[in-house]
């Protein structure tokens, strides 16, 4: 699957890119929100992993921007932060993130976590779009 990693720390970005690419994903990186928006528009990823503490537009604002746009609101977003007291899980989920990871990331389970988030999202989508059967009562 296509994944965009939005991370301004080169070491963290490279590590996530290498791990996910080794698991067979098409991975693209961006250093800030402006570059991320362009990369997301061009590549149309299934997932975006976004560091919440970005220079310029922060990660929560980027997520809100993605979720407000009909062309990108379906993209699954994973928040990543080293500042859990500043960027809380609740803040990330309220902004529209599908998952939340604290740094340092456990890269061993990263690809599996994305697969689980993808499956969970598909089940939730199917449940909200399935037609309801008539109750049969009078």
N, C-alpha and C. Protein backbone atom coordinates (compact mmCIF):
# COMPACT_ATOMS: atom_id res chain seq x y z
N UNK A 1 0.84 -1.18 0.00
CA UNK A 1 0.00 0.00 0.00
C UNK A 1 0.88 1.24 0.00
N UNK A 2 0.33 2.35 -0.47
CA UNK A 2 1.07 3.61 -0.49
C UNK A 2 0.96 4.29 0.86
N UNK A 3 2.11 4.76 1.35
CA UNK A 3 2.19 5.42 2.66
C UNK A 3 3.04 6.66 2.52
N UNK A 4 2.56 7.79 3.09
CA UNK A 4 3.35 9.00 3.17
C UNK A 4 3.74 9.21 4.62
N UNK A 5 5.04 9.43 4.84
CA UNK A 5 5.55 9.70 6.18
C UNK A 5 5.91 11.17 6.24
N UNK A 6 5.29 11.89 7.19
CA UNK A 6 5.54 13.31 7.36
C UNK A 6 6.34 13.47 8.65
N UNK A 7 7.62 13.69 8.49
CA UNK A 7 8.55 13.70 9.64
C UNK A 7 9.71 14.63 9.32
N UNK A 8 9.95 15.60 10.21
CA UNK A 8 11.03 16.55 9.96
C UNK A 8 12.39 16.07 10.49
N UNK A 9 12.37 15.02 11.28
CA UNK A 9 13.62 14.45 11.81
C UNK A 9 14.11 13.39 10.83
N UNK A 10 15.23 13.66 10.12
CA UNK A 10 15.69 12.75 9.07
C UNK A 10 15.92 11.31 9.52
N UNK A 11 16.45 11.11 10.71
CA UNK A 11 16.72 9.75 11.19
C UNK A 11 15.42 8.98 11.37
N UNK A 12 14.41 9.61 11.99
CA UNK A 12 13.12 8.95 12.21
C UNK A 12 12.43 8.66 10.88
N UNK A 13 12.51 9.61 9.96
CA UNK A 13 11.89 9.43 8.64
C UNK A 13 12.53 8.27 7.90
N UNK A 14 13.83 8.24 7.87
CA UNK A 14 14.56 7.18 7.14
C UNK A 14 14.25 5.82 7.74
N UNK A 15 14.25 5.72 9.06
CA UNK A 15 13.97 4.45 9.72
C UNK A 15 12.58 3.93 9.34
N UNK A 16 11.56 4.78 9.44
CA UNK A 16 10.20 4.36 9.09
C UNK A 16 10.11 4.00 7.61
N UNK A 17 10.74 4.78 6.75
CA UNK A 17 10.72 4.49 5.31
C UNK A 17 11.36 3.14 5.00
N UNK A 18 12.50 2.87 5.59
CA UNK A 18 13.22 1.62 5.33
C UNK A 18 12.41 0.42 5.82
N UNK A 19 11.87 0.52 7.02
CA UNK A 19 11.10 -0.59 7.60
C UNK A 19 9.86 -0.88 6.76
N UNK A 20 9.11 0.15 6.41
CA UNK A 20 7.87 -0.06 5.65
C UNK A 20 8.15 -0.50 4.22
N UNK A 21 9.19 0.04 3.60
CA UNK A 21 9.55 -0.39 2.25
C UNK A 21 9.99 -1.85 2.26
N UNK A 22 10.72 -2.27 3.29
CA UNK A 22 11.15 -3.67 3.40
C UNK A 22 9.95 -4.61 3.54
N UNK A 23 8.84 -4.10 4.07
CA UNK A 23 7.62 -4.89 4.20
C UNK A 23 6.76 -4.83 2.93
N UNK A 24 7.29 -4.20 1.88
CA UNK A 24 6.61 -4.20 0.59
C UNK A 24 5.72 -3.01 0.29
N UNK A 25 5.75 -1.99 1.13
CA UNK A 25 4.92 -0.81 0.91
C UNK A 25 5.63 0.19 0.01
N UNK A 26 4.86 1.01 -0.70
CA UNK A 26 5.39 2.13 -1.47
C UNK A 26 5.40 3.33 -0.52
N UNK A 27 6.59 3.80 -0.18
CA UNK A 27 6.72 4.82 0.86
C UNK A 27 7.28 6.11 0.28
N UNK A 28 6.66 7.23 0.68
CA UNK A 28 7.08 8.56 0.27
C UNK A 28 7.26 9.39 1.52
N UNK A 29 8.23 10.29 1.52
CA UNK A 29 8.43 11.10 2.71
C UNK A 29 8.28 12.58 2.41
N UNK A 30 7.91 13.32 3.45
CA UNK A 30 7.77 14.77 3.39
C UNK A 30 8.32 15.34 4.69
N UNK A 31 8.94 16.48 4.62
CA UNK A 31 9.59 17.08 5.79
C UNK A 31 8.70 18.07 6.54
N UNK A 32 7.64 18.55 5.89
CA UNK A 32 6.74 19.50 6.56
C UNK A 32 5.34 19.36 5.96
N UNK A 33 4.40 20.11 6.49
CA UNK A 33 3.00 19.98 6.07
C UNK A 33 2.80 20.39 4.61
N UNK A 34 3.47 21.45 4.17
CA UNK A 34 3.30 21.90 2.79
C UNK A 34 3.77 20.83 1.80
N UNK A 35 4.93 20.25 2.08
CA UNK A 35 5.43 19.17 1.22
C UNK A 35 4.51 17.95 1.31
N UNK A 36 3.99 17.70 2.50
CA UNK A 36 3.09 16.56 2.68
C UNK A 36 1.82 16.72 1.85
N UNK A 37 1.23 17.90 1.86
CA UNK A 37 0.01 18.12 1.09
C UNK A 37 0.24 17.88 -0.40
N UNK A 38 1.37 18.32 -0.91
CA UNK A 38 1.71 18.11 -2.32
C UNK A 38 1.93 16.62 -2.60
N UNK A 39 2.67 15.94 -1.73
CA UNK A 39 2.95 14.52 -1.91
C UNK A 39 1.66 13.70 -1.83
N UNK A 40 0.80 14.03 -0.90
CA UNK A 40 -0.48 13.33 -0.73
C UNK A 40 -1.36 13.55 -1.97
N UNK A 41 -1.40 14.77 -2.48
CA UNK A 41 -2.18 15.06 -3.68
C UNK A 41 -1.68 14.23 -4.87
N UNK A 42 -0.37 14.16 -5.00
CA UNK A 42 0.25 13.46 -6.13
C UNK A 42 0.15 11.94 -6.01
N UNK A 43 0.41 11.40 -4.84
CA UNK A 43 0.54 9.94 -4.66
C UNK A 43 -0.74 9.24 -4.23
N UNK A 44 -1.68 9.98 -3.64
CA UNK A 44 -2.95 9.40 -3.18
C UNK A 44 -2.73 8.15 -2.30
N UNK A 45 -2.09 8.35 -1.15
CA UNK A 45 -1.78 7.20 -0.29
C UNK A 45 -2.99 6.66 0.45
N UNK A 46 -2.84 5.46 0.97
CA UNK A 46 -3.86 4.86 1.82
C UNK A 46 -3.65 5.33 3.27
N UNK A 47 -2.37 5.52 3.65
CA UNK A 47 -2.02 5.95 5.01
C UNK A 47 -1.08 7.15 4.98
N UNK A 48 -1.20 7.98 6.01
CA UNK A 48 -0.24 9.04 6.27
C UNK A 48 0.19 8.89 7.72
N UNK A 49 1.49 8.79 7.95
CA UNK A 49 2.04 8.81 9.30
C UNK A 49 2.57 10.22 9.50
N UNK A 50 2.06 10.92 10.48
CA UNK A 50 2.42 12.33 10.64
C UNK A 50 2.95 12.63 12.04
N UNK A 51 4.14 13.21 12.06
CA UNK A 51 4.71 13.73 13.30
C UNK A 51 3.87 14.95 13.68
N UNK A 52 3.43 15.02 14.91
CA UNK A 52 2.58 16.14 15.30
C UNK A 52 3.35 17.42 15.54
N UNK A 53 4.64 17.32 15.80
CA UNK A 53 5.46 18.50 16.09
C UNK A 53 6.28 18.87 14.84
N UNK A 54 5.60 19.40 13.83
CA UNK A 54 6.26 19.80 12.59
C UNK A 54 6.58 21.29 12.61
N UNK A 55 7.58 21.71 11.84
CA UNK A 55 7.83 23.15 11.70
C UNK A 55 6.71 23.77 10.85
N UNK A 56 6.38 25.01 11.11
CA UNK A 56 5.30 25.65 10.37
C UNK A 56 3.97 25.11 10.83
N UNK A 57 3.16 24.61 9.91
CA UNK A 57 1.88 24.01 10.26
C UNK A 57 2.12 22.73 11.04
N UNK A 58 1.55 22.64 12.25
CA UNK A 58 1.78 21.43 13.05
C UNK A 58 0.96 20.26 12.51
N UNK A 59 1.25 19.08 13.02
CA UNK A 59 0.62 17.87 12.52
C UNK A 59 -0.88 17.81 12.73
N UNK A 60 -1.37 18.33 13.86
CA UNK A 60 -2.82 18.31 14.10
C UNK A 60 -3.55 19.18 13.07
N UNK A 61 -2.97 20.31 12.74
CA UNK A 61 -3.57 21.18 11.73
C UNK A 61 -3.56 20.49 10.37
N UNK A 62 -2.47 19.80 10.06
CA UNK A 62 -2.40 19.04 8.81
C UNK A 62 -3.50 17.98 8.77
N UNK A 63 -3.69 17.26 9.85
CA UNK A 63 -4.73 16.23 9.90
C UNK A 63 -6.11 16.85 9.69
N UNK A 64 -6.39 17.95 10.37
CA UNK A 64 -7.69 18.61 10.21
C UNK A 64 -7.90 19.06 8.76
N UNK A 65 -6.82 19.52 8.13
CA UNK A 65 -6.90 19.94 6.72
C UNK A 65 -7.24 18.75 5.84
N UNK A 66 -6.58 17.62 6.07
CA UNK A 66 -6.87 16.41 5.29
C UNK A 66 -8.30 15.94 5.49
N UNK A 67 -8.76 15.95 6.72
CA UNK A 67 -10.10 15.43 7.03
C UNK A 67 -11.20 16.38 6.57
N UNK A 68 -10.90 17.66 6.37
CA UNK A 68 -11.88 18.63 5.91
C UNK A 68 -12.06 18.60 4.39
N UNK A 69 -11.13 17.97 3.69
CA UNK A 69 -11.15 17.94 2.23
C UNK A 69 -11.77 16.62 1.75
N UNK A 70 -12.85 16.69 0.96
CA UNK A 70 -13.48 15.46 0.47
C UNK A 70 -12.53 14.55 -0.31
N UNK A 71 -11.52 15.12 -0.94
CA UNK A 71 -10.57 14.31 -1.73
C UNK A 71 -9.59 13.54 -0.87
N UNK A 72 -9.43 13.94 0.41
CA UNK A 72 -8.43 13.29 1.27
C UNK A 72 -9.00 12.77 2.59
N UNK A 73 -10.25 13.02 2.86
CA UNK A 73 -10.78 12.65 4.19
C UNK A 73 -10.78 11.15 4.44
N UNK A 74 -10.77 10.33 3.38
CA UNK A 74 -10.77 8.86 3.51
C UNK A 74 -9.41 8.30 3.89
N UNK A 75 -8.35 9.09 3.77
CA UNK A 75 -7.00 8.60 4.07
C UNK A 75 -6.87 8.34 5.56
N UNK A 76 -6.31 7.19 5.89
CA UNK A 76 -6.10 6.84 7.29
C UNK A 76 -4.83 7.54 7.78
N UNK A 77 -4.92 8.12 8.99
CA UNK A 77 -3.82 8.91 9.52
C UNK A 77 -3.38 8.35 10.86
N UNK A 78 -2.06 8.18 10.99
CA UNK A 78 -1.46 7.75 12.25
C UNK A 78 -0.63 8.91 12.78
N UNK A 79 -0.96 9.35 13.98
CA UNK A 79 -0.21 10.42 14.64
C UNK A 79 1.02 9.83 15.32
N UNK A 80 2.13 10.55 15.22
CA UNK A 80 3.37 10.14 15.87
C UNK A 80 3.90 11.33 16.65
N UNK A 81 4.28 11.12 17.91
CA UNK A 81 4.80 12.23 18.68
C UNK A 81 5.79 11.79 19.75
N UNK A 82 6.74 12.66 20.01
CA UNK A 82 7.65 12.49 21.14
C UNK A 82 7.18 13.36 22.31
N UNK A 83 6.11 14.12 22.09
CA UNK A 83 5.60 15.07 23.08
C UNK A 83 4.18 14.71 23.48
N UNK A 84 4.03 13.58 24.14
CA UNK A 84 2.70 13.07 24.49
C UNK A 84 1.96 13.99 25.45
N UNK A 85 2.66 14.77 26.24
CA UNK A 85 1.96 15.69 27.14
C UNK A 85 1.45 16.92 26.39
N UNK A 86 2.09 17.26 25.29
CA UNK A 86 1.66 18.41 24.48
C UNK A 86 0.62 17.99 23.43
N UNK A 87 0.87 16.85 22.79
CA UNK A 87 -0.04 16.32 21.76
C UNK A 87 -0.61 15.00 22.28
N UNK A 88 -1.76 15.06 22.92
CA UNK A 88 -2.32 13.87 23.56
C UNK A 88 -3.04 12.97 22.55
N UNK A 89 -3.26 11.74 22.97
CA UNK A 89 -4.02 10.78 22.15
C UNK A 89 -5.40 11.36 21.83
N UNK A 90 -6.04 11.94 22.84
CA UNK A 90 -7.37 12.52 22.64
C UNK A 90 -7.32 13.63 21.59
N UNK A 91 -6.33 14.51 21.67
CA UNK A 91 -6.19 15.58 20.67
C UNK A 91 -6.07 14.99 19.26
N UNK A 92 -5.25 13.96 19.13
CA UNK A 92 -5.01 13.35 17.82
C UNK A 92 -6.29 12.69 17.29
N UNK A 93 -6.97 11.94 18.13
CA UNK A 93 -8.19 11.27 17.69
C UNK A 93 -9.29 12.29 17.37
N UNK A 94 -9.38 13.34 18.19
CA UNK A 94 -10.37 14.40 17.93
C UNK A 94 -10.10 15.11 16.60
N UNK A 95 -8.83 15.22 16.21
CA UNK A 95 -8.47 15.88 14.95
C UNK A 95 -8.78 14.98 13.75
N UNK A 96 -8.96 13.68 13.99
CA UNK A 96 -9.30 12.76 12.90
C UNK A 96 -8.30 11.64 12.68
N UNK A 97 -7.32 11.51 13.56
CA UNK A 97 -6.35 10.43 13.42
C UNK A 97 -7.02 9.08 13.72
N UNK A 98 -6.53 8.06 13.05
CA UNK A 98 -7.04 6.71 13.24
C UNK A 98 -6.24 5.93 14.28
N UNK A 99 -5.02 6.38 14.54
CA UNK A 99 -4.16 5.71 15.52
C UNK A 99 -3.15 6.73 16.04
N UNK A 100 -2.49 6.38 17.13
CA UNK A 100 -1.58 7.28 17.83
C UNK A 100 -0.38 6.48 18.33
N UNK A 101 0.81 6.93 17.98
CA UNK A 101 2.04 6.27 18.42
C UNK A 101 2.95 7.28 19.11
N UNK A 102 3.56 6.84 20.19
CA UNK A 102 4.55 7.68 20.86
C UNK A 102 5.94 7.25 20.43
N UNK A 103 6.82 8.23 20.28
CA UNK A 103 8.22 7.94 19.97
C UNK A 103 8.91 7.56 21.27
N UNK A 104 9.90 6.72 21.23
CA UNK A 104 10.40 6.07 20.02
C UNK A 104 9.42 5.01 19.54
N UNK A 105 9.26 4.95 18.21
CA UNK A 105 8.34 3.98 17.61
C UNK A 105 8.91 2.58 17.69
N UNK A 106 8.03 1.62 17.91
CA UNK A 106 8.40 0.22 17.82
C UNK A 106 8.23 -0.18 16.36
N UNK A 107 9.29 -0.09 15.58
CA UNK A 107 9.20 -0.34 14.14
C UNK A 107 8.94 -1.80 13.82
N UNK A 108 9.21 -2.71 14.77
CA UNK A 108 8.98 -4.14 14.50
C UNK A 108 7.52 -4.44 14.19
N UNK A 109 6.61 -3.69 14.80
CA UNK A 109 5.19 -3.96 14.59
C UNK A 109 4.48 -2.90 13.78
N UNK A 110 5.23 -1.99 13.17
CA UNK A 110 4.63 -0.87 12.47
C UNK A 110 3.75 -1.31 11.30
N UNK A 111 4.26 -2.16 10.44
CA UNK A 111 3.49 -2.61 9.28
C UNK A 111 2.25 -3.38 9.73
N UNK A 112 2.38 -4.21 10.74
CA UNK A 112 1.25 -4.98 11.27
C UNK A 112 0.19 -4.04 11.85
N UNK A 113 0.62 -2.99 12.56
CA UNK A 113 -0.31 -2.02 13.12
C UNK A 113 -1.10 -1.33 12.01
N UNK A 114 -0.44 -1.01 10.90
CA UNK A 114 -1.13 -0.38 9.78
C UNK A 114 -2.15 -1.33 9.16
N UNK A 115 -1.79 -2.60 9.04
CA UNK A 115 -2.73 -3.60 8.51
C UNK A 115 -3.96 -3.71 9.41
N UNK A 116 -3.74 -3.71 10.73
CA UNK A 116 -4.85 -3.80 11.67
C UNK A 116 -5.74 -2.56 11.58
N UNK A 117 -5.12 -1.38 11.49
CA UNK A 117 -5.89 -0.14 11.38
C UNK A 117 -6.69 -0.14 10.08
N UNK A 118 -6.11 -0.66 9.02
CA UNK A 118 -6.79 -0.74 7.73
C UNK A 118 -8.00 -1.67 7.83
N UNK A 119 -7.82 -2.83 8.43
CA UNK A 119 -8.91 -3.79 8.59
C UNK A 119 -10.02 -3.22 9.46
N UNK A 120 -9.64 -2.57 10.56
CA UNK A 120 -10.61 -1.98 11.47
C UNK A 120 -11.42 -0.90 10.76
N UNK A 121 -10.74 -0.08 9.98
CA UNK A 121 -11.41 0.99 9.24
C UNK A 121 -12.36 0.43 8.20
N UNK A 122 -11.97 -0.65 7.52
CA UNK A 122 -12.84 -1.28 6.52
C UNK A 122 -14.09 -1.84 7.17
N UNK A 123 -13.93 -2.47 8.35
CA UNK A 123 -15.09 -3.01 9.06
C UNK A 123 -16.04 -1.90 9.48
N UNK A 124 -15.49 -0.80 9.99
CA UNK A 124 -16.31 0.33 10.43
C UNK A 124 -17.04 0.96 9.24
N UNK A 125 -16.35 1.07 8.12
CA UNK A 125 -16.96 1.64 6.92
C UNK A 125 -18.09 0.76 6.41
N UNK A 126 -17.86 -0.54 6.42
CA UNK A 126 -18.87 -1.49 5.95
C UNK A 126 -20.10 -1.44 6.86
N UNK A 127 -19.90 -1.29 8.16
CA UNK A 127 -21.01 -1.26 9.11
C UNK A 127 -21.86 0.00 8.91
N UNK A 128 -21.24 1.11 8.55
CA UNK A 128 -22.00 2.36 8.39
C UNK A 128 -22.63 2.48 7.02
N UNK A 129 -22.19 1.69 6.05
CA UNK A 129 -22.75 1.81 4.70
C UNK A 129 -23.66 0.64 4.33
N UNK A 130 -23.74 -0.38 5.17
CA UNK A 130 -24.59 -1.53 4.87
C UNK A 130 -26.06 -1.15 5.05
N UNK A 131 -26.89 -1.55 4.10
CA UNK A 131 -28.33 -1.25 4.26
C UNK A 131 -28.89 -2.08 5.41
N UNK A 132 -29.82 -1.48 6.12
CA UNK A 132 -30.46 -2.19 7.23
C UNK A 132 -31.62 -3.02 6.71
N UNK A 133 -31.78 -4.18 7.32
CA UNK A 133 -32.89 -5.05 6.95
C UNK A 133 -34.14 -4.59 7.71
N UNK A 134 -35.29 -4.72 7.09
CA UNK A 134 -36.53 -4.34 7.80
C UNK A 134 -36.71 -5.22 9.02
N UNK A 135 -37.29 -4.66 10.07
CA UNK A 135 -37.44 -5.37 11.33
C UNK A 135 -38.53 -6.43 11.26
N UNK A 136 -39.48 -6.29 10.37
CA UNK A 136 -40.53 -7.29 10.24
C UNK A 136 -41.69 -7.09 11.20
N UNK A 137 -41.56 -6.18 12.13
CA UNK A 137 -42.65 -5.93 13.09
C UNK A 137 -43.67 -4.97 12.53
N UNK A 138 -44.85 -4.94 13.16
CA UNK A 138 -45.91 -4.04 12.71
C UNK A 138 -45.90 -2.78 13.43
